[in-house]
Amino acid sequence: MVPFAPSETESGGLLGKLSGIFQPSSGSVSHSETFETYRNQLLQRADQVASALSGTGVLTKMLGTEETIELLYNTYNPSVFATTIIKNVDQLELSKR
């Protein structure tokens, strides 16, 4: 797993604060735009890690949703992982926080 922390704060960092002094605010950035920005940053970081590891001979694979759920479930429930397989990820309901 590749950790992620946003590279800027909600206020836009130092450059955002400086440009805010000289220009009026053009409105807040939508959540979907912020999500896409963070997603792209995370994918770039994952590519960098994969490139660095491939240089040492380690093969990497980006896991899908079902594989990630199974990995985390099996990690935190080692006594039942051999008998439980989570399927039908499309039927799961995810809630926004």
C-alpha atoms as a PDB file:
ATOM      1  CA  MET A   1       0.000   0.000   0.000  1.00  0.00           C
ATOM      2  CA  VAL A   2       1.201   3.472  -0.839  1.00  0.00           C
ATOM      3  CA  PRO A   3       0.384   6.106   1.804  1.00  0.00           C
ATOM      4  CA  PHE A   4      -1.021   9.451   0.772  1.00  0.00           C
ATOM      5  CA  ALA A   5      -1.264  12.872   2.359  1.00  0.00           C
ATOM      6  CA  PRO A   6      -2.401  15.908   0.329  1.00  0.00           C
ATOM      7  CA  SER A   7       0.469  18.141  -0.727  1.00  0.00           C
ATOM      8  CA  GLU A   8      -1.517  21.300  -0.036  1.00  0.00           C
ATOM      9  CA  THR A   9      -3.870  22.455   2.661  1.00  0.00           C
ATOM     10  CA  GLU A  10      -7.470  23.471   2.069  1.00  0.00           C
ATOM     11  CA  SER A  11      -6.393  27.092   1.880  1.00  0.00           C
ATOM     12  CA  GLY A  12      -4.127  26.247  -1.060  1.00  0.00           C
ATOM     13  CA  GLY A  13      -0.755  26.518   0.639  1.00  0.00           C
ATOM     14  CA  LEU A  14       1.571  29.493   0.456  1.00  0.00           C
ATOM     15  CA  LEU A  15       0.985  30.224  -3.237  1.00  0.00           C
ATOM     16  CA  GLY A  16      -2.772  30.038  -2.779  1.00  0.00           C
ATOM     17  CA  LYS A  17      -2.610  32.519   0.076  1.00  0.00           C
ATOM     18  CA  LEU A  18      -0.414  34.908  -1.903  1.00  0.00           C
ATOM     19  CA  SER A  19      -2.621  34.777  -4.992  1.00  0.00           C
ATOM     20  CA  GLY A  20      -5.662  35.301  -2.758  1.00  0.00           C
ATOM     21  CA  ILE A  21      -4.244  38.642  -1.692  1.00  0.00           C
ATOM     22  CA  PHE A  22      -4.045  39.966  -5.244  1.00  0.00           C
ATOM     23  CA  GLN A  23      -7.092  38.254  -6.776  1.00  0.00           C
ATOM     24  CA  PRO A  24     -10.581  37.838  -5.394  1.00  0.00           C
ATOM     25  CA  SER A  25     -11.643  34.304  -4.644  1.00  0.00           C
ATOM     26  CA  SER A  26     -13.145  32.532  -7.638  1.00  0.00           C
ATOM     27  CA  GLY A  27     -15.171  30.154  -5.462  1.00  0.00           C
ATOM     28  CA  SER A  28     -14.329  26.917  -3.805  1.00  0.00           C
ATOM     29  CA  VAL A  29     -13.135  23.894  -5.734  1.00  0.00           C
ATOM     30  CA  SER A  30     -15.725  21.142  -5.951  1.00  0.00           C
ATOM     31  CA  HIS A  31     -15.227  17.893  -4.082  1.00  0.00           C
ATOM     32  CA  SER A  32     -15.037  15.908  -7.310  1.00  0.00           C
ATOM     33  CA  GLU A  33     -12.228  18.127  -8.624  1.00  0.00           C
ATOM     34  CA  THR A  34     -10.368  17.759  -5.329  1.00  0.00           C
ATOM     35  CA  PHE A  35     -10.884  13.982  -5.421  1.00  0.00           C
ATOM     36  CA  GLU A  36      -9.536  13.745  -8.976  1.00  0.00           C
ATOM     37  CA  THR A  37      -6.511  15.870  -8.072  1.00  0.00           C
ATOM     38  CA  TYR A  38      -5.703  13.706  -5.054  1.00  0.00           C
ATOM     39  CA  ARG A  39      -6.361  10.519  -7.030  1.00  0.00           C
ATOM     40  CA  ASN A  40      -3.922  11.601  -9.755  1.00  0.00           C
ATOM     41  CA  GLN A  41      -1.295  12.478  -7.132  1.00  0.00           C
ATOM     42  CA  LEU A  42      -1.725   9.057  -5.516  1.00  0.00           C
ATOM     43  CA  LEU A  43      -1.459   7.246  -8.853  1.00  0.00           C
ATOM     44  CA  GLN A  44       1.737   9.171  -9.652  1.00  0.00           C
ATOM     45  CA  ARG A  45       3.189   8.191  -6.271  1.00  0.00           C
ATOM     46  CA  ALA A  46       2.217   4.541  -6.832  1.00  0.00           C
ATOM     47  CA  ASP A  47       3.929   4.610 -10.255  1.00  0.00           C
ATOM     48  CA  GLN A  48       7.082   6.052  -8.683  1.00  0.00           C
ATOM     49  CA  VAL A  49       7.132   3.335  -6.013  1.00  0.00           C
ATOM     50  CA  ALA A  50       6.519   0.622  -8.626  1.00  0.00           C
ATOM     51  CA  SER A  51       9.349   1.986 -10.790  1.00  0.00           C
ATOM     52  CA  ALA A  52      11.758   2.064  -7.868  1.00  0.00           C
ATOM     53  CA  LEU A  53      10.844  -1.469  -6.798  1.00  0.00           C
ATOM     54  CA  SER A  54      11.089  -2.843 -10.338  1.00  0.00           C
ATOM     55  CA  GLY A  55      14.703  -1.675 -10.385  1.00  0.00           C
ATOM     56  CA  THR A  56      15.386  -4.083  -7.528  1.00  0.00           C
ATOM     57  CA  GLY A  57      13.555  -6.953  -9.227  1.00  0.00           C
ATOM     58  CA  VAL A  58      10.357  -6.715  -7.185  1.00  0.00           C
ATOM     59  CA  LEU A  59       7.172  -7.027  -9.229  1.00  0.00           C
ATOM     60  CA  THR A  60       4.204  -4.889  -8.180  1.00  0.00           C
ATOM     61  CA  LYS A  61       0.498  -5.036  -8.933  1.00  0.00           C
ATOM     62  CA  MET A  62      -2.201  -2.473  -8.272  1.00  0.00           C
ATOM     63  CA  LEU A  63      -5.069  -4.198  -6.502  1.00  0.00           C
ATOM     64  CA  GLY A  64      -8.682  -3.733  -7.455  1.00  0.00           C
ATOM     65  CA  THR A  65     -11.507  -3.110  -4.987  1.00  0.00           C
ATOM     66  CA  GLU A  66     -12.317  -6.771  -4.345  1.00  0.00           C
ATOM     67  CA  GLU A  67      -8.665  -7.728  -3.924  1.00  0.00           C
ATOM     68  CA  THR A  68      -8.068  -4.848  -1.514  1.00  0.00           C
ATOM     69  CA  ILE A  69     -11.110  -5.766   0.587  1.00  0.00           C
ATOM     70  CA  GLU A  70     -10.007  -9.407   0.759  1.00  0.00           C
ATOM     71  CA  LEU A  71      -6.426  -8.430   1.656  1.00  0.00           C
ATOM     72  CA  LEU A  72      -7.523  -6.148   4.490  1.00  0.00           C
ATOM     73  CA  TYR A  73     -10.198  -8.562   5.736  1.00  0.00           C
ATOM     74  CA  ASN A  74      -7.766 -11.481   5.786  1.00  0.00           C
ATOM     75  CA  THR A  75      -5.117  -9.362   7.495  1.00  0.00           C
ATOM     76  CA  TYR A  76      -7.409  -8.328  10.340  1.00  0.00           C
ATOM     77  CA  ASN A  77      -9.214 -11.700  10.601  1.00  0.00           C
ATOM     78  CA  PRO A  78      -6.473 -14.329  10.234  1.00  0.00           C
ATOM     79  CA  SER A  79      -8.438 -17.126  11.901  1.00  0.00           C
ATOM     80  CA  VAL A  80     -11.284 -17.091   9.342  1.00  0.00           C
ATOM     81  CA  PHE A  81      -9.516 -16.079   6.133  1.00  0.00           C
ATOM     82  CA  ALA A  82      -9.256 -19.637   4.813  1.00  0.00           C
ATOM     83  CA  THR A  83     -13.009 -20.206   5.014  1.00  0.00           C
ATOM     84  CA  THR A  84     -14.401 -16.784   4.044  1.00  0.00           C
ATOM     85  CA  ILE A  85     -14.295 -15.297   0.547  1.00  0.00           C
ATOM     86  CA  ILE A  86     -15.907 -11.925  -0.018  1.00  0.00           C
ATOM     87  CA  LYS A  87     -17.651 -11.665  -3.385  1.00  0.00           C
ATOM     88  CA  ASN A  88     -20.204  -9.448  -5.125  1.00  0.00           C
ATOM     89  CA  VAL A  89     -18.415  -6.170  -4.466  1.00  0.00           C
ATOM     90  CA  ASP A  90     -20.849  -4.464  -6.841  1.00  0.00           C
ATOM     91  CA  GLN A  91     -23.637  -5.063  -4.341  1.00  0.00           C
ATOM     92  CA  LEU A  92     -21.841  -3.303  -1.466  1.00  0.00           C
ATOM     93  CA  GLU A  93     -23.211   0.052  -0.379  1.00  0.00           C
ATOM     94  CA  LEU A  94     -20.611   2.680   0.397  1.00  0.00           C
ATOM     95  CA  SER A  95     -21.540   5.727   2.429  1.00  0.00           C
ATOM     96  CA  LYS A  96     -19.952   9.168   2.272  1.00  0.00           C
ATOM     97  CA  ARG A  97     -18.327  10.479   5.400  1.00  0.00           C
END
